[in-house]
Amino acid sequence: MYFCRTYALPVKIGNGCWIDGGVIILPGVNIGDGTVIGAGSVVTKDIPANCVAVGNPCRVIRKINGE
């Protein structure tokens, strides 16, 4: 017999974030304020504030807003 174990954890998205289309955010991930997540990204871990992150798995490619 096959059992599928699933779990649900809260996802926290900061103020002023821009999440493009087709993004998948896994359970328990935190996305910081003012962050941009590129289209089609798979967010598997926390993303800091004020940065641009893209890819599968999603990675920070640069900081924004003068940081």
N, C-alpha and C. Protein backbone atom coordinates (compact mmCIF):
# COMPACT_ATOMS: atom_id res chain seq x y z
N MET A 1 0.84 -1.17 0.00
CA MET A 1 0.00 0.00 0.00
C MET A 1 0.89 1.24 0.00
N TYR A 2 0.52 2.23 -0.79
CA TYR A 2 1.31 3.45 -0.95
C TYR A 2 0.68 4.59 -0.17
N PHE A 3 1.48 5.29 0.63
CA PHE A 3 1.01 6.45 1.37
C PHE A 3 1.78 7.67 0.91
N CYS A 4 1.07 8.72 0.62
CA CYS A 4 1.70 9.97 0.23
C CYS A 4 1.65 10.93 1.41
N ARG A 5 2.80 11.28 1.94
CA ARG A 5 2.85 12.19 3.07
C ARG A 5 3.04 13.61 2.56
N THR A 6 2.10 14.45 2.90
CA THR A 6 2.18 15.85 2.52
C THR A 6 2.13 16.71 3.78
N TYR A 7 2.57 17.92 3.67
CA TYR A 7 2.54 18.83 4.81
C TYR A 7 2.28 20.24 4.33
N ALA A 8 1.75 21.04 5.21
CA ALA A 8 1.47 22.44 4.89
C ALA A 8 2.15 23.33 5.93
N LEU A 9 2.93 24.26 5.46
CA LEU A 9 3.58 25.25 6.32
C LEU A 9 3.25 26.63 5.75
N PRO A 10 3.20 27.64 6.60
CA PRO A 10 2.87 28.98 6.09
C PRO A 10 3.98 29.55 5.20
N VAL A 11 3.57 30.30 4.19
CA VAL A 11 4.48 31.03 3.32
C VAL A 11 4.36 32.50 3.69
N LYS A 12 5.48 33.17 3.93
CA LYS A 12 5.46 34.59 4.30
C LYS A 12 6.04 35.40 3.15
N ILE A 13 5.23 36.34 2.65
CA ILE A 13 5.64 37.21 1.55
C ILE A 13 5.64 38.64 2.07
N GLY A 14 6.78 39.32 1.96
CA GLY A 14 6.94 40.66 2.49
C GLY A 14 6.19 41.71 1.69
N ASN A 15 6.20 42.93 2.20
CA ASN A 15 5.54 44.06 1.55
C ASN A 15 6.27 44.48 0.29
N GLY A 16 5.51 44.84 -0.73
CA GLY A 16 6.09 45.38 -1.96
C GLY A 16 6.79 44.36 -2.83
N CYS A 17 6.48 43.09 -2.68
CA CYS A 17 7.10 42.05 -3.51
C CYS A 17 6.42 41.98 -4.87
N TRP A 18 7.17 41.54 -5.86
CA TRP A 18 6.62 41.32 -7.19
C TRP A 18 6.92 39.87 -7.53
N ILE A 19 5.87 39.07 -7.67
CA ILE A 19 6.01 37.65 -8.00
C ILE A 19 5.42 37.45 -9.38
N ASP A 20 6.28 37.16 -10.37
CA ASP A 20 5.85 36.99 -11.75
C ASP A 20 5.03 35.72 -11.93
N GLY A 21 4.50 35.53 -13.11
CA GLY A 21 3.63 34.40 -13.41
C GLY A 21 4.33 33.06 -13.37
N GLY A 22 3.59 32.03 -13.00
CA GLY A 22 4.08 30.66 -13.03
C GLY A 22 5.07 30.31 -11.94
N VAL A 23 5.18 31.13 -10.91
CA VAL A 23 6.12 30.87 -9.83
C VAL A 23 5.52 29.82 -8.88
N ILE A 24 6.36 28.88 -8.46
CA ILE A 24 5.97 27.88 -7.46
C ILE A 24 6.73 28.18 -6.18
N ILE A 25 5.99 28.34 -5.09
CA ILE A 25 6.60 28.62 -3.78
C ILE A 25 6.32 27.44 -2.88
N LEU A 26 7.37 26.78 -2.41
CA LEU A 26 7.22 25.61 -1.56
C LEU A 26 6.84 26.00 -0.14
N PRO A 27 6.26 25.07 0.62
CA PRO A 27 5.82 25.37 1.99
C PRO A 27 6.96 25.82 2.90
N GLY A 28 6.69 26.79 3.77
CA GLY A 28 7.64 27.24 4.76
C GLY A 28 8.64 28.28 4.31
N VAL A 29 8.51 28.78 3.08
CA VAL A 29 9.47 29.73 2.53
C VAL A 29 9.09 31.16 2.94
N ASN A 30 10.10 31.98 3.23
CA ASN A 30 9.92 33.40 3.54
C ASN A 30 10.55 34.23 2.42
N ILE A 31 9.80 35.21 1.92
CA ILE A 31 10.29 36.11 0.89
C ILE A 31 10.32 37.51 1.49
N GLY A 32 11.48 38.16 1.47
CA GLY A 32 11.67 39.46 2.11
C GLY A 32 10.97 40.60 1.38
N ASP A 33 10.88 41.75 2.06
CA ASP A 33 10.24 42.95 1.51
C ASP A 33 10.93 43.42 0.23
N GLY A 34 10.14 43.87 -0.75
CA GLY A 34 10.67 44.47 -1.96
C GLY A 34 11.41 43.54 -2.89
N THR A 35 11.19 42.26 -2.78
CA THR A 35 11.88 41.27 -3.61
C THR A 35 11.12 41.01 -4.89
N VAL A 36 11.85 40.76 -5.98
CA VAL A 36 11.26 40.39 -7.26
C VAL A 36 11.63 38.94 -7.55
N ILE A 37 10.59 38.12 -7.80
CA ILE A 37 10.81 36.71 -8.16
C ILE A 37 10.46 36.56 -9.63
N GLY A 38 11.41 36.09 -10.45
CA GLY A 38 11.23 35.98 -11.89
C GLY A 38 10.24 34.89 -12.29
N ALA A 39 9.67 35.04 -13.48
CA ALA A 39 8.65 34.13 -13.98
C ALA A 39 9.17 32.69 -14.06
N GLY A 40 8.31 31.75 -13.65
CA GLY A 40 8.63 30.34 -13.75
C GLY A 40 9.59 29.82 -12.70
N SER A 41 9.96 30.62 -11.73
CA SER A 41 10.90 30.21 -10.70
C SER A 41 10.27 29.22 -9.73
N VAL A 42 11.10 28.37 -9.14
CA VAL A 42 10.67 27.45 -8.09
C VAL A 42 11.42 27.85 -6.83
N VAL A 43 10.70 28.47 -5.88
CA VAL A 43 11.32 29.00 -4.67
C VAL A 43 11.36 27.88 -3.63
N THR A 44 12.57 27.39 -3.35
CA THR A 44 12.75 26.26 -2.45
C THR A 44 13.30 26.64 -1.08
N LYS A 45 13.84 27.87 -0.97
CA LYS A 45 14.40 28.33 0.31
C LYS A 45 14.14 29.82 0.46
N ASP A 46 14.41 30.36 1.64
CA ASP A 46 14.15 31.76 1.94
C ASP A 46 14.93 32.68 1.00
N ILE A 47 14.27 33.80 0.62
CA ILE A 47 14.88 34.81 -0.24
C ILE A 47 14.94 36.11 0.57
N PRO A 48 16.12 36.75 0.66
CA PRO A 48 16.24 37.98 1.46
C PRO A 48 15.51 39.16 0.83
N ALA A 49 15.42 40.24 1.59
CA ALA A 49 14.73 41.46 1.13
C ALA A 49 15.54 42.19 0.07
N ASN A 50 14.83 42.94 -0.77
CA ASN A 50 15.42 43.85 -1.77
C ASN A 50 16.42 43.17 -2.69
N CYS A 51 15.96 42.15 -3.39
CA CYS A 51 16.82 41.48 -4.36
C CYS A 51 15.98 40.94 -5.51
N VAL A 52 16.66 40.52 -6.57
CA VAL A 52 16.02 39.86 -7.71
C VAL A 52 16.46 38.42 -7.67
N ALA A 53 15.50 37.49 -7.74
CA ALA A 53 15.80 36.07 -7.68
C ALA A 53 15.06 35.34 -8.80
N VAL A 54 15.75 34.43 -9.48
CA VAL A 54 15.15 33.68 -10.60
C VAL A 54 15.69 32.27 -10.63
N GLY A 55 15.03 31.40 -11.38
CA GLY A 55 15.55 30.09 -11.69
C GLY A 55 14.87 28.94 -10.99
N ASN A 56 15.37 27.75 -11.32
CA ASN A 56 14.88 26.51 -10.73
C ASN A 56 16.09 25.69 -10.31
N PRO A 57 16.44 25.69 -9.03
CA PRO A 57 15.80 26.38 -7.91
C PRO A 57 16.10 27.87 -7.95
N CYS A 58 15.23 28.64 -7.33
CA CYS A 58 15.34 30.10 -7.34
C CYS A 58 16.59 30.56 -6.58
N ARG A 59 17.37 31.44 -7.22
CA ARG A 59 18.60 31.96 -6.62
C ARG A 59 18.65 33.47 -6.78
N VAL A 60 19.26 34.14 -5.81
CA VAL A 60 19.43 35.60 -5.88
C VAL A 60 20.48 35.91 -6.93
N ILE A 61 20.11 36.83 -7.87
CA ILE A 61 21.09 37.21 -8.88
C ILE A 61 21.67 38.60 -8.65
N ARG A 62 20.92 39.46 -7.94
CA ARG A 62 21.47 40.77 -7.58
C ARG A 62 20.58 41.46 -6.55
N LYS A 63 21.18 42.44 -5.87
CA LYS A 63 20.45 43.29 -4.92
C LYS A 63 19.84 44.46 -5.67
N ILE A 64 18.77 45.05 -5.13
CA ILE A 64 18.15 46.20 -5.75
C ILE A 64 17.94 47.30 -4.71
N ASN A 65 17.46 48.45 -5.16
CA ASN A 65 17.17 49.60 -4.31
C ASN A 65 18.40 50.16 -3.61
N GLY A 66 19.52 50.20 -4.32
CA GLY A 66 20.71 50.84 -3.80
C GLY A 66 21.45 50.09 -2.73
N GLU A 67 21.16 48.81 -2.56
CA GLU A 67 21.89 48.05 -1.53
C GLU A 67 23.06 47.31 -2.15
